Each structure stands twice: as C-alpha cells, then as structure tokens.
Amino acid sequence: MQDNEKIYKIELTNEEYEYVENLKKEYYKKLSQMTKEERLQFFRDNYCNEQKLNFEKEINGTIYKVNTHFDVNAEESILKKIFRLTKKS
C-alpha cells in the first residue's frame, strides 16, 4: 500500500500466501457466478453498509454514540485518511 512516498509491505510465509491465494480464487469464483446487480448488492451488503459502523460505547458512565457518514465526493479514501491520522510525526 502506498501513502504518498511510503510503501507498506506485508510479508507472508508460503503457507499464508497459498491460503490467501485460495481465498482469493474462491472469492473470484463466487463473484463471477453473480449477475452485475447481485455483485453490486453483495458489496453494498458486505462492505458499504455504513450502519455497521455506527455504535454506542459507555466510558466512565457516559454513553458515546458514533454515527458514520461518507462523502461520495471526498478526495481522500478512508485508508489514506487512517494513514494520515495515525502517521508518526
């Protein structure tokens, strides 16, 4: 993954790599058997449902409610935003 000039690498053992490759092949096979509409719905249900990111958490007797909203016109992806916000100074 890239964040400006930095490159992030994940190193896997051969066994881990083969496992990930098999998962990828199964995933592609599943998606290839779906219609375009079914694929779009699959991604909406499994990856784009912002309601799954909404939650409540109690800390020291105070309940915090977190609601997530996405700007479809944003110039920065969530991954880039996370890298930027967690980058060490």
Protein backbone atom coordinates (compact mmCIF):
# COMPACT_ATOMS: atom_id res chain seq x y z
CA MET A 1 0.00 0.00 0.00
CA GLN A 2 1.19 3.48 -0.65
CA ASP A 3 0.75 6.66 1.35
CA ASN A 4 2.49 9.46 -0.53
CA GLU A 5 6.14 8.32 -0.69
CA LYS A 6 5.98 5.45 1.81
CA ILE A 7 5.45 1.84 0.81
CA TYR A 8 3.96 -0.60 3.32
CA LYS A 9 4.80 -4.28 2.84
CA ILE A 10 3.20 -7.32 4.38
CA GLU A 11 5.41 -10.39 4.35
CA LEU A 12 3.75 -13.80 4.37
CA THR A 13 5.07 -17.32 4.71
CA ASN A 14 4.48 -19.60 1.70
CA GLU A 15 1.67 -21.31 3.63
CA GLU A 16 -0.02 -17.98 4.42
CA TYR A 17 0.40 -16.83 0.82
CA GLU A 18 -1.19 -20.04 -0.53
CA TYR A 19 -4.08 -19.64 1.93
CA VAL A 20 -4.72 -16.06 0.80
CA GLU A 21 -4.46 -17.07 -2.87
CA ASN A 22 -7.03 -19.85 -2.36
CA LEU A 23 -9.39 -17.44 -0.61
CA LYS A 24 -8.98 -15.00 -3.48
CA LYS A 25 -9.75 -17.69 -6.07
CA GLU A 26 -12.87 -18.80 -4.16
CA TYR A 27 -13.98 -15.18 -3.86
CA TYR A 28 -13.48 -14.53 -7.59
CA LYS A 29 -15.36 -17.71 -8.46
CA LYS A 30 -18.29 -16.69 -6.24
CA LEU A 31 -18.40 -13.20 -7.76
CA SER A 32 -18.09 -14.48 -11.33
CA GLN A 33 -21.25 -16.56 -10.88
CA MET A 34 -23.30 -13.49 -9.89
CA THR A 35 -25.04 -11.04 -12.15
CA LYS A 36 -23.89 -7.42 -12.10
CA GLU A 37 -26.86 -6.49 -9.91
CA GLU A 38 -26.13 -9.36 -7.49
CA ARG A 39 -22.48 -8.28 -7.23
CA LEU A 40 -23.45 -4.69 -6.52
CA GLN A 41 -25.89 -5.81 -3.84
CA PHE A 42 -23.26 -8.15 -2.36
CA PHE A 43 -20.80 -5.27 -1.99
CA ARG A 44 -23.48 -2.97 -0.59
CA ASP A 45 -24.48 -5.57 2.00
CA ASN A 46 -20.99 -6.64 3.00
CA TYR A 47 -18.66 -3.70 2.53
CA CYS A 48 -20.54 -0.46 2.12
CA ASN A 49 -23.09 -0.58 4.89
CA GLU A 50 -22.26 2.44 6.99
CA GLN A 51 -24.86 1.40 9.57
CA LYS A 52 -22.50 -1.41 10.60
CA LEU A 53 -20.00 1.28 11.60
CA ASN A 54 -22.44 3.06 13.91
CA PHE A 55 -22.17 2.08 17.56
CA GLU A 56 -22.59 3.17 21.17
CA LYS A 57 -19.89 2.85 23.84
CA GLU A 58 -20.06 3.61 27.54
CA ILE A 59 -16.95 5.14 29.09
CA ASN A 60 -16.95 6.10 32.78
CA GLY A 61 -20.73 6.29 32.92
CA THR A 62 -21.06 8.42 29.77
CA ILE A 63 -22.59 6.83 26.67
CA TYR A 64 -20.98 7.94 23.42
CA LYS A 65 -22.87 7.39 20.18
CA VAL A 66 -20.81 7.21 16.98
CA ASN A 67 -22.50 7.67 13.61
CA THR A 68 -20.52 7.28 10.41
CA HIS A 69 -21.13 9.30 7.26
CA PHE A 70 -19.24 9.17 3.96
CA ASP A 71 -18.82 11.94 1.44
CA VAL A 72 -19.16 10.44 -2.04
CA ASN A 73 -17.20 13.42 -3.41
CA ALA A 74 -14.29 13.04 -0.97
CA GLU A 75 -10.80 13.38 -2.43
CA GLU A 76 -9.23 11.10 0.20
CA SER A 77 -10.02 7.42 0.77
CA ILE A 78 -10.65 6.07 4.27
CA LEU A 79 -7.38 4.14 4.08
CA LYS A 80 -5.39 7.27 3.22
CA LYS A 81 -7.18 9.15 5.98
CA ILE A 82 -6.31 6.46 8.54
CA PHE A 83 -2.65 6.53 7.41
CA ARG A 84 -2.59 10.32 7.67
CA LEU A 85 -4.23 10.41 11.11
CA THR A 86 -2.03 7.67 12.57
CA LYS A 87 1.24 8.79 10.96
CA LYS A 88 4.02 9.44 13.47
CA SER A 89 5.38 12.99 13.48
